[in-house]
Amino acid sequence: MRIAGFETGASEEFFQLVSAAGLVHVALVEGARSAPDPGHFVGAGKLEEIGVLAAQTDSTLIVFDHELSAIQERNLEGELGRRVIDRTQLILDIFARRARTHEGKLQVELAQLRHASTRLVRGWTHLDRQRGGIGLRGAGESQIELDQRMINQRIRAVERQLSKVRRGRRLGRRSRARAKVPTIVLVGYTNAGKSSLFNALTDAGVDAADQLFATLDPTLRRITVPGIGTVVLADTVGFIGRLPHKLVEAFKATLEEVVEAKLLLHVVDAAAETRDQQMADVDKVLVEIGAADVPRLEIFNKVDLLSGCSSRTDRDAGELSRVWVSALRGLGLDQLRAAIAERLGVSAWAELILSPHHGALRSWLYDRQAVLHEEVERDGSYRLRVHLPADELERVASRRGVVLRGGEGAHRMRHSVGALRR
């Protein structure tokens, strides 16, 4: 399909959205106004320019990288003789192409129905005036009411199905909570590399194409974090600037995982020129869905694209706040796992000395992937460098025959450990 796009201040993201929708970009019209025209969004001169260019390029679709009212959309199509869609409809079309699972398709359908409902009402307001006494109601109004009723019925049906999905997800979260399995959720701007990082950590094989909204359907996998044990890692749909509110509302079933997460990994494209703006857009969405207060760790991905930059961790006032990685190259993943372990509650590094008869305890520590280094002493005892949550380290150190030596975080527990031993 050929298109002519209109935008004020063209951005690479607009072209990426067009490409992700399977469209072929043939021309771009830019413009600037202090305020949009209420009838056509653009002025008469710009409207004529778009029409001429669309005819010259034989375009069949015109995309506005803005939100259009139903009246503006209808008037533009009448003047230009071609289909016109706005940014919201473009994103909805991309989501419809990407949805694979039953849940994903339901969420996209709900967003499309809500969008169509507003188009129906606002685009036909002239028919609402065809009222009067008995026998004076317009036929057009009867049709619009019928269409609206059918849309509303389908919206309620989809919402009922999605409510079942939400109940299933809530049961899953309760089950993980009872088993003390924390959930970590990847969030971030679309195409920041969330799915690539998800694959690097889980070997899940999730589609990680270099395009906007490559991942739409939520995916959960269990992974093992050294010192913590089993955690659930969730990959979610990417956010975008000016994300339509209809999409946020429709994807509540998926985004509940974000709100209920123990930790959010905010994946950032470190090489993006608009990195700061993308981070701000993600923050806005997190506020909108009620996840602003969920603990967050920033993951600056794609360090392999930055000159002179390598994997590392950053701290803010002593707290680990950022990890620099390359999911594609596998750089910094061990640092990321250690950072996750540190941020999932209070954790500590310490040295333990186990007597020879503590073989079962030693095996448990290895099963937890808590052992960072081990030496066997002449008397057969084990000297282990371990990383564990503080409460678990306290329980281990309180066992008879176990000696706790100094370590990062261990000094904060010495008094309580001594009390346990008494």
Protein backbone atom coordinates (compact mmCIF):
# COMPACT_ATOMS: atom_id res chain seq x y z
CA MET A 1 0.00 0.00 0.00
CA ARG A 2 1.33 3.45 -0.88
CA ILE A 3 0.96 6.36 1.48
CA ALA A 4 1.61 10.06 1.80
CA GLY A 5 2.36 11.04 5.38
CA PHE A 6 1.77 14.38 7.06
CA GLU A 7 3.72 15.46 10.12
CA THR A 8 4.96 18.58 11.89
CA GLY A 9 8.59 17.97 12.77
CA ALA A 10 9.30 14.63 11.09
CA SER A 11 10.86 12.00 13.31
CA GLU A 12 12.48 8.66 12.60
CA GLU A 13 9.89 7.06 14.86
CA PHE A 14 7.07 8.08 12.51
CA PHE A 15 8.76 6.29 9.62
CA GLN A 16 9.37 3.23 11.82
CA LEU A 17 5.67 3.12 12.73
CA VAL A 18 4.74 3.31 9.05
CA SER A 19 7.14 0.49 8.22
CA ALA A 20 5.92 -1.64 11.15
CA ALA A 21 2.38 -1.34 9.76
CA GLY A 22 3.54 -2.88 6.49
CA LEU A 23 3.16 0.36 4.53
CA VAL A 24 5.43 1.86 1.90
CA HIS A 25 6.32 5.49 2.49
CA VAL A 26 6.42 7.51 -0.72
CA ALA A 27 6.12 11.13 0.37
CA LEU A 28 6.12 13.37 3.42
CA VAL A 29 4.33 16.67 3.93
CA GLU A 30 5.36 18.81 6.91
CA GLY A 31 3.66 21.82 8.37
CA ALA A 32 3.33 24.02 11.43
CA ARG A 33 0.32 25.79 12.90
CA SER A 34 -0.29 27.58 16.17
CA ALA A 35 -3.50 25.56 16.52
CA PRO A 36 -5.07 22.78 14.41
CA ASP A 37 -7.95 23.68 12.11
CA PRO A 38 -11.14 22.32 13.74
CA GLY A 39 -12.52 21.04 10.46
CA HIS A 40 -9.48 19.60 8.65
CA PHE A 41 -6.59 19.83 11.17
CA VAL A 42 -4.55 21.59 8.40
CA GLY A 43 -5.21 24.84 6.59
CA ALA A 44 -6.62 25.17 3.09
CA GLY A 45 -3.21 25.65 1.45
CA LYS A 46 -1.64 22.65 3.14
CA LEU A 47 -4.71 20.55 2.35
CA GLU A 48 -4.32 21.38 -1.33
CA GLU A 49 -0.60 20.50 -1.19
CA ILE A 50 -1.39 17.10 0.33
CA GLY A 51 -4.00 16.43 -2.34
CA VAL A 52 -1.65 17.27 -5.22
CA LEU A 53 1.18 15.15 -3.81
CA ALA A 54 -1.15 12.22 -3.12
CA ALA A 55 -2.34 12.32 -6.74
CA GLN A 56 1.20 12.58 -8.12
CA THR A 57 2.42 9.56 -6.09
CA ASP A 58 -0.77 7.54 -6.62
CA SER A 59 -1.09 7.14 -2.85
CA THR A 60 -4.06 5.24 -1.45
CA LEU A 61 -3.64 6.10 2.24
CA ILE A 62 -2.68 9.26 4.13
CA VAL A 63 -1.36 8.98 7.67
CA PHE A 64 -1.29 11.88 10.13
CA ASP A 65 1.19 11.55 13.00
CA HIS A 66 -1.32 13.28 15.24
CA GLU A 67 -4.64 12.58 16.89
CA LEU A 68 -7.53 13.47 14.57
CA SER A 69 -11.12 13.95 15.62
CA ALA A 70 -13.74 11.89 13.83
CA ILE A 71 -15.04 15.00 12.07
CA GLN A 72 -11.55 15.99 10.91
CA GLU A 73 -10.94 12.46 9.62
CA ARG A 74 -14.24 12.39 7.74
CA ASN A 75 -13.73 15.86 6.23
CA LEU A 76 -10.19 15.04 5.11
CA GLU A 77 -11.35 11.85 3.39
CA GLY A 78 -14.11 13.80 1.66
CA GLU A 79 -11.70 16.46 0.38
CA LEU A 80 -8.83 14.13 -0.58
CA GLY A 81 -10.79 11.16 -1.87
CA ARG A 82 -8.50 8.76 -0.02
CA ARG A 83 -8.54 6.93 3.27
CA VAL A 84 -7.08 8.97 6.14
CA ILE A 85 -5.94 7.59 9.50
CA ASP A 86 -4.26 9.16 12.53
CA ARG A 87 -1.47 8.04 14.85
CA THR A 88 -3.82 6.08 17.12
CA GLN A 89 -5.30 4.06 14.26
CA LEU A 90 -1.80 3.41 12.89
CA ILE A 91 -0.66 1.97 16.22
CA LEU A 92 -3.85 -0.08 16.53
CA ASP A 93 -3.21 -1.56 13.08
CA ILE A 94 0.33 -2.50 14.11
CA PHE A 95 -0.95 -4.14 17.28
CA ALA A 96 -3.53 -6.11 15.27
CA ARG A 97 -0.73 -7.43 13.03
CA ARG A 98 1.46 -8.38 15.99
CA ALA A 99 -1.06 -10.13 18.27
CA ARG A 100 -0.55 -13.90 18.36
CA THR A 101 -2.16 -15.23 21.53
CA HIS A 102 -5.87 -15.26 22.37
CA GLU A 103 -5.28 -12.73 25.15
CA GLY A 104 -3.33 -10.38 22.89
CA LYS A 105 -6.00 -10.49 20.21
CA LEU A 106 -8.72 -9.78 22.75
CA GLN A 107 -6.86 -6.75 24.09
CA VAL A 108 -6.28 -5.36 20.60
CA GLU A 109 -9.93 -5.94 19.65
CA LEU A 110 -11.08 -4.10 22.77
CA ALA A 111 -8.90 -1.10 21.92
CA GLN A 112 -10.16 -1.11 18.32
CA LEU A 113 -13.79 -1.30 19.41
CA ARG A 114 -13.41 1.59 21.81
CA HIS A 115 -11.70 3.63 19.12
CA ALA A 116 -14.44 2.75 16.59
CA SER A 117 -17.09 3.73 19.13
CA THR A 118 -15.72 7.27 19.41
CA ARG A 119 -15.46 7.51 15.62
CA LEU A 120 -19.07 6.41 15.29
CA VAL A 121 -20.50 8.89 17.76
CA ARG A 122 -18.46 11.94 16.87
CA GLY A 123 -18.38 11.32 13.16
CA TRP A 124 -22.18 11.23 12.91
CA THR A 125 -23.25 13.98 15.30
CA HIS A 126 -25.29 15.63 12.52
CA LEU A 127 -27.61 12.62 12.64
CA ASP A 128 -28.28 13.16 16.34
CA ARG A 129 -30.27 16.28 15.39
CA GLN A 130 -32.76 14.26 13.35
CA ARG A 131 -35.18 14.07 16.24
CA GLY A 132 -38.73 15.18 16.69
CA GLY A 133 -42.19 13.88 17.39
CA ILE A 134 -43.61 10.48 16.48
CA GLY A 135 -42.55 9.43 13.01
CA LEU A 136 -39.95 12.20 12.70
CA ARG A 137 -36.87 10.27 13.82
CA GLY A 138 -34.33 10.02 10.98
CA ALA A 139 -33.46 6.64 9.50
CA GLY A 140 -29.78 7.47 9.83
CA GLU A 141 -30.13 7.88 13.59
CA SER A 142 -31.71 4.45 13.88
CA GLN A 143 -28.76 2.93 12.04
CA ILE A 144 -26.19 4.74 14.16
CA GLU A 145 -27.96 3.61 17.31
CA LEU A 146 -27.97 0.04 16.03
CA ASP A 147 -24.28 0.17 15.19
CA GLN A 148 -23.49 1.68 18.59
CA ARG A 149 -25.49 -1.01 20.35
CA MET A 150 -23.69 -3.79 18.48
CA ILE A 151 -20.29 -2.28 19.30
CA ASN A 152 -21.21 -1.89 22.96
CA GLN A 153 -22.41 -5.50 23.14
CA ARG A 154 -19.15 -6.74 21.66
CA ILE A 155 -17.13 -4.52 24.03
CA ARG A 156 -18.94 -6.05 27.02
CA ALA A 157 -18.34 -9.57 25.66
CA VAL A 158 -14.61 -8.93 25.19
CA GLU A 159 -14.37 -7.34 28.64
CA ARG A 160 -15.94 -10.44 30.19
CA GLN A 161 -13.39 -12.66 28.49
CA LEU A 162 -10.54 -10.41 29.58
CA SER A 163 -11.84 -10.43 33.15
CA LYS A 164 -11.32 -14.20 33.13
CA VAL A 165 -7.75 -13.62 31.93
CA ARG A 166 -7.20 -11.16 34.79
CA ARG A 167 -8.53 -13.67 37.31
CA GLY A 168 -6.15 -16.29 35.95
CA ARG A 169 -3.23 -13.89 36.22
CA ARG A 170 -4.19 -12.95 39.77
CA LEU A 171 -4.30 -16.63 40.73
CA GLY A 172 -0.86 -17.09 39.19
CA ARG A 173 0.52 -14.14 41.15
CA ARG A 174 -0.99 -15.44 44.39
CA SER A 175 0.51 -18.86 43.77
CA ARG A 176 3.95 -17.31 43.21
CA ALA A 177 3.53 -15.15 46.30
CA ARG A 178 2.72 -18.20 48.46
CA ALA A 179 5.79 -19.94 47.06
CA LYS A 180 7.80 -16.75 47.69
CA VAL A 181 8.75 -16.53 44.01
CA PRO A 182 9.21 -12.83 43.14
CA THR A 183 8.19 -11.43 39.75
CA ILE A 184 10.49 -9.16 37.76
CA VAL A 185 9.03 -7.28 34.79
CA LEU A 186 10.85 -5.78 31.82
CA VAL A 187 9.48 -2.38 30.82
CA GLY A 188 10.75 0.23 28.44
CA TYR A 189 10.32 2.10 25.21
CA THR A 190 9.47 0.01 22.18
CA ASN A 191 12.54 -1.40 20.40
CA ALA A 192 14.81 -0.73 23.39
CA GLY A 193 15.88 -4.40 23.40
CA LYS A 194 13.57 -5.88 26.06
CA SER A 195 12.93 -9.09 24.15
CA SER A 196 16.63 -9.51 23.29
CA LEU A 197 17.45 -9.16 26.99
CA PHE A 198 14.61 -11.54 27.90
CA ASN A 199 16.03 -14.13 25.50
CA ALA A 200 19.57 -13.63 26.81
CA LEU A 201 18.43 -14.30 30.38
CA THR A 202 15.95 -17.11 29.67
CA ASP A 203 16.78 -18.71 26.28
CA ALA A 204 13.07 -18.32 25.52
CA GLY A 205 13.40 -17.59 21.80
CA VAL A 206 10.92 -14.70 21.88
CA ASP A 207 10.66 -12.73 18.61
CA ALA A 208 13.16 -9.87 18.92
CA ALA A 209 13.03 -8.19 15.52
CA ASP A 210 14.54 -4.72 15.10
CA GLN A 211 11.20 -2.96 14.71
CA LEU A 212 8.60 -1.18 16.82
CA PHE A 213 6.23 -3.41 18.81
CA ALA A 214 7.96 -6.64 17.76
CA THR A 215 6.64 -8.11 21.03
CA LEU A 216 2.99 -7.64 21.91
CA ASP A 217 1.90 -10.75 23.78
CA PRO A 218 3.16 -11.08 27.39
CA THR A 219 5.66 -13.86 28.09
CA LEU A 220 6.71 -15.24 31.49
CA ARG A 221 9.65 -17.52 32.22
CA ARG A 222 11.32 -18.80 35.38
CA ILE A 223 14.99 -18.02 35.83
CA THR A 224 17.48 -18.61 38.63
CA VAL A 225 19.19 -15.61 40.21
CA PRO A 226 22.36 -16.29 42.26
CA GLY A 227 21.65 -15.81 45.96
CA ILE A 228 17.90 -15.50 45.39
CA GLY A 229 16.84 -18.68 43.65
CA THR A 230 13.88 -18.92 41.31
CA VAL A 231 12.21 -15.74 40.07
CA VAL A 232 9.68 -15.13 37.30
CA LEU A 233 10.77 -12.77 34.52
CA ALA A 234 8.02 -11.15 32.42
CA ASP A 235 8.40 -9.46 29.03
CA THR A 236 5.76 -6.83 28.21
CA VAL A 237 4.63 -4.67 25.32
CA GLY A 238 6.86 -1.67 24.66
CA PHE A 239 5.71 1.85 25.48
CA ILE A 240 5.79 4.79 23.09
CA GLY A 241 5.40 8.54 23.20
CA ARG A 242 1.79 9.76 23.04
CA LEU A 243 0.59 6.22 23.76
CA PRO A 244 -3.18 6.22 23.16
CA HIS A 245 -5.12 5.96 26.40
CA LYS A 246 -7.37 3.35 24.75
CA LEU A 247 -4.38 1.01 24.53
CA VAL A 248 -3.44 1.52 28.17
CA GLU A 249 -7.01 0.73 29.21
CA ALA A 250 -7.29 -2.30 26.91
CA PHE A 251 -3.97 -3.79 28.08
CA LYS A 252 -4.75 -3.65 31.80
CA ALA A 253 -4.66 -7.45 32.04
CA THR A 254 -1.05 -7.43 30.87
CA LEU A 255 0.00 -4.27 32.67
CA GLU A 256 -1.23 -5.63 36.02
CA GLU A 257 1.97 -7.69 36.01
CA VAL A 258 3.88 -4.39 36.02
CA VAL A 259 1.91 -2.95 38.93
CA GLU A 260 2.30 -6.11 41.06
CA ALA A 261 5.99 -6.70 40.25
CA LYS A 262 8.62 -6.97 42.94
CA LEU A 263 11.09 -5.16 40.68
CA LEU A 264 10.91 -3.38 37.31
CA LEU A 265 13.83 -3.55 34.90
CA HIS A 266 13.54 -0.35 32.86
CA VAL A 267 15.36 -1.23 29.63
CA VAL A 268 16.76 1.83 27.85
CA ASP A 269 18.30 2.08 24.39
CA ALA A 270 21.58 3.64 25.47
CA ALA A 271 22.47 4.52 21.87
CA ALA A 272 19.20 6.33 21.06
CA GLU A 273 19.51 10.05 20.37
CA THR A 274 16.17 10.64 22.12
CA ARG A 275 17.09 8.46 25.10
CA ASP A 276 16.07 10.98 27.77
CA GLN A 277 12.72 11.67 26.12
CA GLN A 278 12.01 7.96 25.77
CA MET A 279 12.74 7.44 29.47
CA ALA A 280 10.37 10.31 30.32
CA ASP A 281 7.64 8.76 28.15
CA VAL A 282 8.01 5.44 29.97
CA ASP A 283 7.80 7.22 33.32
CA LYS A 284 4.51 8.85 32.22
CA VAL A 285 2.97 5.50 31.33
CA LEU A 286 4.10 3.95 34.62
CA VAL A 287 2.42 6.81 36.48
CA GLU A 288 -0.76 6.34 34.42
CA ILE A 289 -1.04 2.63 35.23
CA GLY A 290 -0.23 3.11 38.92
CA ALA A 291 3.28 1.62 38.88
CA ALA A 292 5.27 4.76 39.70
CA ASP A 293 6.21 3.47 43.17
CA VAL A 294 7.33 -0.02 42.12
CA PRO A 295 11.11 -0.44 42.76
CA ARG A 296 13.01 0.12 39.54
CA LEU A 297 16.44 -0.72 38.14
CA GLU A 298 17.58 0.96 34.92
CA ILE A 299 19.19 -1.29 32.32
CA PHE A 300 21.10 0.68 29.69
CA ASN A 301 21.19 -1.73 26.76
CA LYS A 302 23.19 -1.70 23.49
CA VAL A 303 26.47 -0.51 25.02
CA ASP A 304 28.20 -2.24 22.08
CA LEU A 305 26.93 0.63 19.93
CA LEU A 306 28.57 3.28 22.12
CA SER A 307 32.19 4.19 21.50
CA GLY A 308 34.42 3.57 24.52
CA CYS A 309 31.56 2.24 26.67
CA SER A 310 31.59 -1.14 28.37
CA SER A 311 29.39 -3.06 30.78
CA ARG A 312 29.36 -1.67 34.32
CA THR A 313 27.10 -0.81 37.25
CA ASP A 314 26.28 2.65 38.64
CA ARG A 315 25.21 3.57 42.15
CA ASP A 316 23.18 6.50 43.45
CA ALA A 317 23.82 7.39 47.09
CA GLY A 318 25.15 3.87 47.62
CA GLU A 319 22.15 2.12 46.06
CA LEU A 320 22.64 0.23 42.82
CA SER A 321 20.62 2.19 40.25
CA ARG A 322 21.84 1.28 36.75
CA VAL A 323 23.47 -1.56 34.84
CA TRP A 324 25.08 -1.13 31.41
CA VAL A 325 24.73 -4.23 29.21
CA SER A 326 24.52 -5.52 25.67
CA ALA A 327 21.84 -8.18 25.38
CA LEU A 328 22.88 -8.94 21.80
CA ARG A 329 26.54 -9.49 22.71
CA GLY A 330 25.92 -10.99 26.14
CA LEU A 331 27.91 -8.26 27.90
CA GLY A 332 27.19 -7.44 31.55
CA LEU A 333 24.64 -10.19 32.12
CA ASP A 334 26.42 -11.56 35.21
CA GLN A 335 26.53 -8.03 36.61
CA LEU A 336 22.82 -7.71 35.88
CA ARG A 337 22.00 -10.95 37.71
CA ALA A 338 24.02 -9.79 40.72
CA ALA A 339 22.25 -6.42 40.60
CA ILE A 340 18.84 -8.12 40.54
CA ALA A 341 19.84 -10.20 43.57
CA GLU A 342 20.93 -7.08 45.42
CA ARG A 343 17.76 -5.14 44.62
CA LEU A 344 15.38 -7.95 45.57
CA GLY A 345 15.32 -7.02 49.21
CA VAL A 346 18.32 -6.79 51.56
CA SER A 347 21.15 -9.07 50.45
CA ALA A 348 24.68 -9.61 51.66
CA TRP A 349 28.01 -11.08 50.66
CA ALA A 350 29.80 -12.99 53.41
CA GLU A 351 32.26 -15.78 54.11
CA LEU A 352 31.02 -18.97 55.75
CA ILE A 353 33.05 -21.81 57.18
CA LEU A 354 31.15 -25.12 57.22
CA SER A 355 32.28 -28.22 59.07
CA PRO A 356 32.60 -31.47 57.03
CA HIS A 357 29.23 -32.80 58.28
CA HIS A 358 27.40 -29.83 56.66
CA GLY A 359 27.29 -31.49 53.24
CA ALA A 360 23.54 -31.04 52.91
CA LEU A 361 23.79 -27.33 53.72
CA ARG A 362 26.62 -26.94 51.23
CA SER A 363 24.50 -28.62 48.54
CA TRP A 364 21.59 -26.32 49.35
CA LEU A 365 23.82 -23.27 48.91
CA TYR A 366 24.94 -24.54 45.52
CA ASP A 367 21.34 -25.25 44.50
CA ARG A 368 20.55 -21.65 45.34
CA GLN A 369 23.53 -20.58 43.20
CA ALA A 370 24.68 -18.63 46.24
CA VAL A 371 28.31 -19.83 46.22
CA LEU A 372 30.70 -17.38 44.58
CA HIS A 373 33.93 -19.11 45.63
CA GLU A 374 34.95 -22.16 47.64
CA GLU A 375 38.13 -23.46 49.29
CA VAL A 376 38.56 -26.76 51.14
CA GLU A 377 40.63 -26.48 54.35
CA ARG A 378 43.10 -29.11 55.60
CA ASP A 379 40.67 -30.31 58.26
CA GLY A 380 38.02 -30.94 55.59
CA SER A 381 35.92 -27.87 56.37
CA TYR A 382 34.58 -25.65 53.58
CA ARG A 383 35.34 -21.94 53.28
CA LEU A 384 32.62 -20.41 51.09
CA ARG A 385 32.17 -16.92 49.72
CA VAL A 386 28.37 -16.59 49.40
CA HIS A 387 25.71 -14.07 48.40
CA LEU A 388 22.31 -14.50 50.06
CA PRO A 389 19.32 -12.44 51.18
CA ALA A 390 20.09 -11.14 54.66
CA ASP A 391 17.36 -13.15 56.41
CA GLU A 392 18.54 -16.42 54.83
CA LEU A 393 22.15 -15.65 55.66
CA GLU A 394 21.12 -15.12 59.28
CA ARG A 395 19.40 -18.50 59.40
CA VAL A 396 22.40 -20.27 57.86
CA ALA A 397 24.87 -18.55 60.19
CA SER A 398 22.79 -19.48 63.25
CA ARG A 399 23.24 -23.21 62.68
CA ARG A 400 25.61 -25.06 64.97
CA GLY A 401 29.08 -25.51 63.50
CA VAL A 402 28.73 -22.66 60.97
CA VAL A 403 31.13 -19.72 61.32
CA LEU A 404 30.26 -16.34 59.78
CA ARG A 405 33.16 -14.12 58.76
CA GLY A 406 33.03 -10.50 57.58
CA GLY A 407 31.61 -9.53 54.25
CA GLU A 408 29.72 -6.79 52.44
CA GLY A 409 26.43 -6.38 54.30
CA ALA A 410 27.33 -8.97 56.95
CA HIS A 411 28.30 -6.36 59.54
CA ARG A 412 24.66 -5.21 59.67
CA MET A 413 23.62 -8.65 60.94
CA ARG A 414 26.23 -9.54 63.51
CA HIS A 415 24.19 -8.45 66.49
CA SER A 416 21.08 -10.37 65.45
CA VAL A 417 23.12 -13.46 64.51
CA GLY A 418 24.79 -13.38 67.92
CA ALA A 419 21.36 -13.19 69.57
CA LEU A 420 20.22 -16.24 67.63
CA ARG A 421 23.27 -18.19 68.78
CA ARG A 422 22.61 -17.40 72.41
